[in-house]
Amino acid sequence: MDDVGLSVEAANHGAIRPYEAAGFVPYGIEPRALNIADVFYDEILMNLDLSRQG
């Protein structure tokens, strides 16, 4: 496997920035992916291509 994928809550910039710094690239948004206490949250889908890591 040459890829690692993850999802992160779209407004969680404190998590998104380090993932991007590590090389993860956002490729999509899953609207209303999480429902916590009847509040819906979007998730950003991210991917890291390990074959491009040096």
N, C-alpha and C. Protein backbone atom coordinates (compact mmCIF):
# COMPACT_ATOMS: atom_id res chain seq x y z
N MET A 1 0.85 -1.18 0.00
CA MET A 1 0.00 0.00 0.00
C MET A 1 0.89 1.24 0.00
N ASP A 2 0.58 2.15 -0.90
CA ASP A 2 1.41 3.35 -1.05
C ASP A 2 0.71 4.62 -0.58
N ASP A 3 -0.50 4.50 -0.05
CA ASP A 3 -1.26 5.67 0.38
C ASP A 3 -1.75 5.50 1.81
N VAL A 4 -1.89 6.64 2.48
CA VAL A 4 -2.53 6.68 3.80
C VAL A 4 -3.64 7.72 3.69
N GLY A 5 -4.83 7.35 4.11
CA GLY A 5 -5.95 8.28 4.06
C GLY A 5 -6.45 8.59 5.46
N LEU A 6 -7.08 9.76 5.57
CA LEU A 6 -7.69 10.14 6.85
C LEU A 6 -8.80 11.12 6.57
N SER A 7 -9.62 11.35 7.57
CA SER A 7 -10.61 12.42 7.51
C SER A 7 -10.51 13.23 8.78
N VAL A 8 -10.79 14.51 8.65
CA VAL A 8 -10.69 15.44 9.78
C VAL A 8 -11.85 16.42 9.68
N GLU A 9 -12.40 16.80 10.82
CA GLU A 9 -13.53 17.72 10.84
C GLU A 9 -13.11 19.03 10.18
N ALA A 10 -13.94 19.53 9.30
CA ALA A 10 -13.57 20.62 8.40
C ALA A 10 -13.17 21.91 9.12
N ALA A 11 -13.70 22.17 10.29
CA ALA A 11 -13.36 23.40 11.01
C ALA A 11 -12.19 23.22 11.97
N ASN A 12 -11.61 22.03 12.01
CA ASN A 12 -10.52 21.75 12.94
C ASN A 12 -9.17 22.12 12.31
N HIS A 13 -8.94 23.42 12.17
CA HIS A 13 -7.72 23.91 11.52
C HIS A 13 -6.47 23.54 12.31
N GLY A 14 -6.61 23.36 13.61
CA GLY A 14 -5.48 22.93 14.43
C GLY A 14 -5.00 21.54 14.08
N ALA A 15 -5.84 20.72 13.48
CA ALA A 15 -5.44 19.39 13.02
C ALA A 15 -5.08 19.40 11.54
N ILE A 16 -5.79 20.19 10.76
CA ILE A 16 -5.57 20.21 9.31
C ILE A 16 -4.16 20.70 8.98
N ARG A 17 -3.73 21.78 9.62
CA ARG A 17 -2.40 22.36 9.32
C ARG A 17 -1.27 21.36 9.51
N PRO A 18 -1.19 20.63 10.62
CA PRO A 18 -0.09 19.67 10.76
C PRO A 18 -0.16 18.53 9.74
N TYR A 19 -1.39 18.11 9.41
CA TYR A 19 -1.51 17.06 8.39
C TYR A 19 -0.97 17.56 7.05
N GLU A 20 -1.33 18.78 6.68
CA GLU A 20 -0.82 19.33 5.42
C GLU A 20 0.69 19.50 5.48
N ALA A 21 1.22 19.92 6.62
CA ALA A 21 2.67 20.07 6.77
C ALA A 21 3.38 18.73 6.63
N ALA A 22 2.69 17.66 7.01
CA ALA A 22 3.27 16.31 6.89
C ALA A 22 3.14 15.75 5.48
N GLY A 23 2.45 16.48 4.60
CA GLY A 23 2.34 16.05 3.21
C GLY A 23 0.97 15.56 2.79
N PHE A 24 0.00 15.54 3.72
CA PHE A 24 -1.35 15.12 3.35
C PHE A 24 -1.98 16.18 2.46
N VAL A 25 -2.75 15.72 1.47
CA VAL A 25 -3.39 16.60 0.51
C VAL A 25 -4.90 16.39 0.59
N PRO A 26 -5.67 17.47 0.77
CA PRO A 26 -7.12 17.31 0.76
C PRO A 26 -7.62 16.98 -0.65
N TYR A 27 -8.58 16.06 -0.73
CA TYR A 27 -9.11 15.70 -2.05
C TYR A 27 -10.63 15.72 -2.09
N GLY A 28 -11.28 16.01 -0.98
CA GLY A 28 -12.74 16.07 -1.01
C GLY A 28 -13.31 16.43 0.34
N ILE A 29 -14.60 16.71 0.31
CA ILE A 29 -15.33 17.01 1.54
C ILE A 29 -16.53 16.07 1.60
N GLU A 30 -16.73 15.48 2.75
CA GLU A 30 -17.92 14.68 2.98
C GLU A 30 -18.87 15.51 3.87
N PRO A 31 -19.91 16.08 3.26
CA PRO A 31 -20.81 16.92 4.03
C PRO A 31 -21.58 16.11 5.07
N ARG A 32 -21.78 16.71 6.22
CA ARG A 32 -22.59 16.11 7.28
C ARG A 32 -22.14 14.69 7.63
N ALA A 33 -20.85 14.49 7.66
CA ALA A 33 -20.30 13.15 7.91
C ALA A 33 -20.44 12.72 9.37
N LEU A 34 -20.38 13.67 10.27
CA LEU A 34 -20.49 13.38 11.70
C LEU A 34 -21.76 13.99 12.26
N ASN A 35 -22.38 13.25 13.16
CA ASN A 35 -23.54 13.77 13.88
C ASN A 35 -23.27 13.58 15.36
N ILE A 36 -23.05 14.68 16.05
CA ILE A 36 -22.79 14.63 17.48
C ILE A 36 -23.84 15.50 18.16
N ALA A 37 -24.64 14.88 18.98
CA ALA A 37 -25.71 15.58 19.71
C ALA A 37 -26.59 16.39 18.75
N ASP A 38 -26.97 15.75 17.65
CA ASP A 38 -27.85 16.35 16.64
C ASP A 38 -27.25 17.57 15.95
N VAL A 39 -25.93 17.70 15.97
CA VAL A 39 -25.23 18.73 15.20
C VAL A 39 -24.38 18.00 14.16
N PHE A 40 -24.52 18.40 12.91
CA PHE A 40 -23.78 17.77 11.82
C PHE A 40 -22.50 18.53 11.52
N TYR A 41 -21.45 17.78 11.18
CA TYR A 41 -20.15 18.34 10.86
C TYR A 41 -19.66 17.75 9.55
N ASP A 42 -19.02 18.59 8.73
CA ASP A 42 -18.40 18.13 7.49
C ASP A 42 -17.01 17.60 7.81
N GLU A 43 -16.55 16.65 6.99
CA GLU A 43 -15.19 16.14 7.13
C GLU A 43 -14.42 16.38 5.84
N ILE A 44 -13.16 16.75 5.99
CA ILE A 44 -12.25 16.86 4.86
C ILE A 44 -11.52 15.53 4.72
N LEU A 45 -11.52 14.99 3.52
CA LEU A 45 -10.81 13.75 3.22
C LEU A 45 -9.42 14.11 2.74
N MET A 46 -8.42 13.44 3.30
CA MET A 46 -7.02 13.75 2.97
C MET A 46 -6.27 12.47 2.64
N ASN A 47 -5.24 12.62 1.83
CA ASN A 47 -4.44 11.49 1.38
C ASN A 47 -2.95 11.83 1.42
N LEU A 48 -2.15 10.86 1.79
CA LEU A 48 -0.69 10.99 1.75
C LEU A 48 -0.16 9.90 0.85
N ASP A 49 0.50 10.29 -0.23
CA ASP A 49 1.09 9.35 -1.18
C ASP A 49 2.49 8.99 -0.70
N LEU A 50 2.64 7.81 -0.11
CA LEU A 50 3.93 7.40 0.46
C LEU A 50 5.00 7.16 -0.61
N SER A 51 4.58 6.88 -1.82
CA SER A 51 5.58 6.64 -2.88
C SER A 51 6.31 7.93 -3.25
N ARG A 52 5.75 9.08 -2.87
CA ARG A 52 6.40 10.37 -3.16
C ARG A 52 7.24 10.88 -1.99
N GLN A 53 7.21 10.18 -0.88
CA GLN A 53 7.99 10.59 0.29
C GLN A 53 9.43 10.16 0.12
N GLY A 54 10.34 10.99 0.55
CA GLY A 54 11.74 10.68 0.36
C GLY A 54 12.43 10.52 1.60
